Amino acid sequence: MNVCRKILLCLTASALLLLSSPVASACAACFGKSDSKLAEGMNWGIASLLVVVVGVLGGVAAFFIFLAKKSAALAESTASAPSSSVSQ
């Protein structure tokens, strides 16, 4: 067995052991105590991740809007500028 296969086997076995634990069976929201501190922390975590994702996507969208405006302004300025070629 190569080393990579052994590591994968150990990781799979440890994941199965952790997932079969009764402690990992249900969180506070699934277990029915939605007013516990664990559920409150989970809700704040979800909100924080949502703020980060929306912020990053908003930044990407703003960057592409900026590029589109710059491109339109450049195209307008080159279209309205007189031709620089001089015929002799």
C-alpha atoms as a PDB file:
ATOM      1  CA  MET A   1       0.000   0.000   0.000  1.00  0.00           C
ATOM      2  CA  ASN A   2       1.350   3.390  -0.824  1.00  0.00           C
ATOM      3  CA  VAL A   3       1.447   6.196   1.701  1.00  0.00           C
ATOM      4  CA  CYS A   4      -1.377   8.190   0.137  1.00  0.00           C
ATOM      5  CA  ARG A   5      -3.761   5.236   0.327  1.00  0.00           C
ATOM      6  CA  LYS A   6      -2.857   4.636   3.990  1.00  0.00           C
ATOM      7  CA  ILE A   7      -3.525   8.259   4.873  1.00  0.00           C
ATOM      8  CA  LEU A   8      -6.868   8.178   3.067  1.00  0.00           C
ATOM      9  CA  LEU A   9      -7.836   5.009   4.899  1.00  0.00           C
ATOM     10  CA  CYS A  10      -6.931   6.524   8.285  1.00  0.00           C
ATOM     11  CA  LEU A  11      -8.853   9.717   7.530  1.00  0.00           C
ATOM     12  CA  THR A  12     -11.917   7.765   6.434  1.00  0.00           C
ATOM     13  CA  ALA A  13     -11.815   5.555   9.525  1.00  0.00           C
ATOM     14  CA  SER A  14     -11.462   8.528  11.876  1.00  0.00           C
ATOM     15  CA  ALA A  15     -14.300  10.398  10.131  1.00  0.00           C
ATOM     16  CA  LEU A  16     -16.567   7.373  10.493  1.00  0.00           C
ATOM     17  CA  LEU A  17     -15.701   7.077  14.189  1.00  0.00           C
ATOM     18  CA  LEU A  18     -16.428  10.749  14.780  1.00  0.00           C
ATOM     19  CA  LEU A  19     -19.694  10.680  12.866  1.00  0.00           C
ATOM     20  CA  SER A  20     -20.941   7.585  14.656  1.00  0.00           C
ATOM     21  CA  SER A  21     -20.591   9.284  18.037  1.00  0.00           C
ATOM     22  CA  PRO A  22     -23.949  10.053  19.720  1.00  0.00           C
ATOM     23  CA  VAL A  23     -22.674  13.531  20.581  1.00  0.00           C
ATOM     24  CA  ALA A  24     -22.432  14.365  16.872  1.00  0.00           C
ATOM     25  CA  SER A  25     -25.934  13.102  16.134  1.00  0.00           C
ATOM     26  CA  ALA A  26     -27.837  16.337  16.618  1.00  0.00           C
ATOM     27  CA  CYS A  27     -27.136  19.967  17.273  1.00  0.00           C
ATOM     28  CA  ALA A  28     -29.278  22.208  19.457  1.00  0.00           C
ATOM     29  CA  ALA A  29     -31.434  23.329  16.530  1.00  0.00           C
ATOM     30  CA  CYS A  30     -32.081  19.767  15.337  1.00  0.00           C
ATOM     31  CA  PHE A  31     -32.597  18.475  18.858  1.00  0.00           C
ATOM     32  CA  GLY A  32     -35.345  21.001  19.571  1.00  0.00           C
ATOM     33  CA  LYS A  33     -33.689  23.594  21.798  1.00  0.00           C
ATOM     34  CA  SER A  34     -33.604  26.460  19.341  1.00  0.00           C
ATOM     35  CA  ASP A  35     -33.208  29.034  22.137  1.00  0.00           C
ATOM     36  CA  SER A  36     -29.917  27.645  23.440  1.00  0.00           C
ATOM     37  CA  LYS A  37     -26.564  29.419  23.219  1.00  0.00           C
ATOM     38  CA  LEU A  38     -25.380  26.914  20.605  1.00  0.00           C
ATOM     39  CA  ALA A  39     -28.278  27.756  18.287  1.00  0.00           C
ATOM     40  CA  GLU A  40     -27.713  31.472  18.847  1.00  0.00           C
ATOM     41  CA  GLY A  41     -24.028  31.097  17.977  1.00  0.00           C
ATOM     42  CA  MET A  42     -24.894  29.102  14.882  1.00  0.00           C
ATOM     43  CA  ASN A  43     -27.287  31.838  13.736  1.00  0.00           C
ATOM     44  CA  TRP A  44     -24.622  34.507  14.255  1.00  0.00           C
ATOM     45  CA  GLY A  45     -22.145  32.374  12.322  1.00  0.00           C
ATOM     46  CA  ILE A  46     -24.543  32.047   9.410  1.00  0.00           C
ATOM     47  CA  ALA A  47     -25.190  35.800   9.447  1.00  0.00           C
ATOM     48  CA  SER A  48     -21.453  36.546   9.528  1.00  0.00           C
ATOM     49  CA  LEU A  49     -20.754  34.266   6.582  1.00  0.00           C
ATOM     50  CA  LEU A  50     -23.639  35.804   4.670  1.00  0.00           C
ATOM     51  CA  VAL A  51     -22.234  39.300   5.247  1.00  0.00           C
ATOM     52  CA  VAL A  52     -18.796  38.214   4.027  1.00  0.00           C
ATOM     53  CA  VAL A  53     -20.157  36.506   0.900  1.00  0.00           C
ATOM     54  CA  VAL A  54     -22.415  39.447  -0.003  1.00  0.00           C
ATOM     55  CA  GLY A  55     -19.540  41.873   0.595  1.00  0.00           C
ATOM     56  CA  VAL A  56     -17.153  39.968  -1.658  1.00  0.00           C
ATOM     57  CA  LEU A  57     -19.733  39.530  -4.415  1.00  0.00           C
ATOM     58  CA  GLY A  58     -20.651  43.213  -4.153  1.00  0.00           C
ATOM     59  CA  GLY A  59     -16.991  44.165  -4.501  1.00  0.00           C
ATOM     60  CA  VAL A  60     -16.582  41.983  -7.584  1.00  0.00           C
ATOM     61  CA  ALA A  61     -19.754  43.428  -9.132  1.00  0.00           C
ATOM     62  CA  ALA A  62     -18.627  46.990  -8.347  1.00  0.00           C
ATOM     63  CA  PHE A  63     -15.254  46.304  -9.979  1.00  0.00           C
ATOM     64  CA  PHE A  64     -16.879  45.070 -13.188  1.00  0.00           C
ATOM     65  CA  ILE A  65     -19.263  48.045 -13.231  1.00  0.00           C
ATOM     66  CA  PHE A  66     -16.230  50.317 -12.825  1.00  0.00           C
ATOM     67  CA  LEU A  67     -14.506  48.573 -15.742  1.00  0.00           C
ATOM     68  CA  ALA A  68     -17.617  48.873 -17.924  1.00  0.00           C
ATOM     69  CA  LYS A  69     -17.913  52.610 -17.206  1.00  0.00           C
ATOM     70  CA  LYS A  70     -14.229  53.185 -17.927  1.00  0.00           C
ATOM     71  CA  SER A  71     -14.487  51.207 -21.158  1.00  0.00           C
ATOM     72  CA  ALA A  72     -17.553  53.185 -22.265  1.00  0.00           C
ATOM     73  CA  ALA A  73     -15.841  56.487 -21.452  1.00  0.00           C
ATOM     74  CA  LEU A  74     -12.723  55.462 -23.372  1.00  0.00           C
ATOM     75  CA  ALA A  75     -14.753  54.333 -26.376  1.00  0.00           C
ATOM     76  CA  GLU A  76     -16.688  57.621 -26.353  1.00  0.00           C
ATOM     77  CA  SER A  77     -13.539  59.725 -26.131  1.00  0.00           C
ATOM     78  CA  THR A  78     -11.828  57.877 -28.998  1.00  0.00           C
ATOM     79  CA  ALA A  79     -14.954  58.032 -31.173  1.00  0.00           C
ATOM     80  CA  SER A  80     -15.432  61.808 -30.723  1.00  0.00           C
ATOM     81  CA  ALA A  81     -11.731  62.710 -31.084  1.00  0.00           C
ATOM     82  CA  PRO A  82     -10.665  63.891 -34.541  1.00  0.00           C
ATOM     83  CA  SER A  83      -8.495  61.615 -36.585  1.00  0.00           C
ATOM     84  CA  SER A  84      -4.808  62.219 -36.010  1.00  0.00           C
ATOM     85  CA  SER A  85      -3.707  61.056 -39.441  1.00  0.00           C
ATOM     86  CA  VAL A  86      -2.666  63.917 -41.681  1.00  0.00           C
ATOM     87  CA  SER A  87      -2.871  63.490 -45.433  1.00  0.00           C
ATOM     88  CA  GLN A  88      -0.028  65.059 -47.418  1.00  0.00           C
END
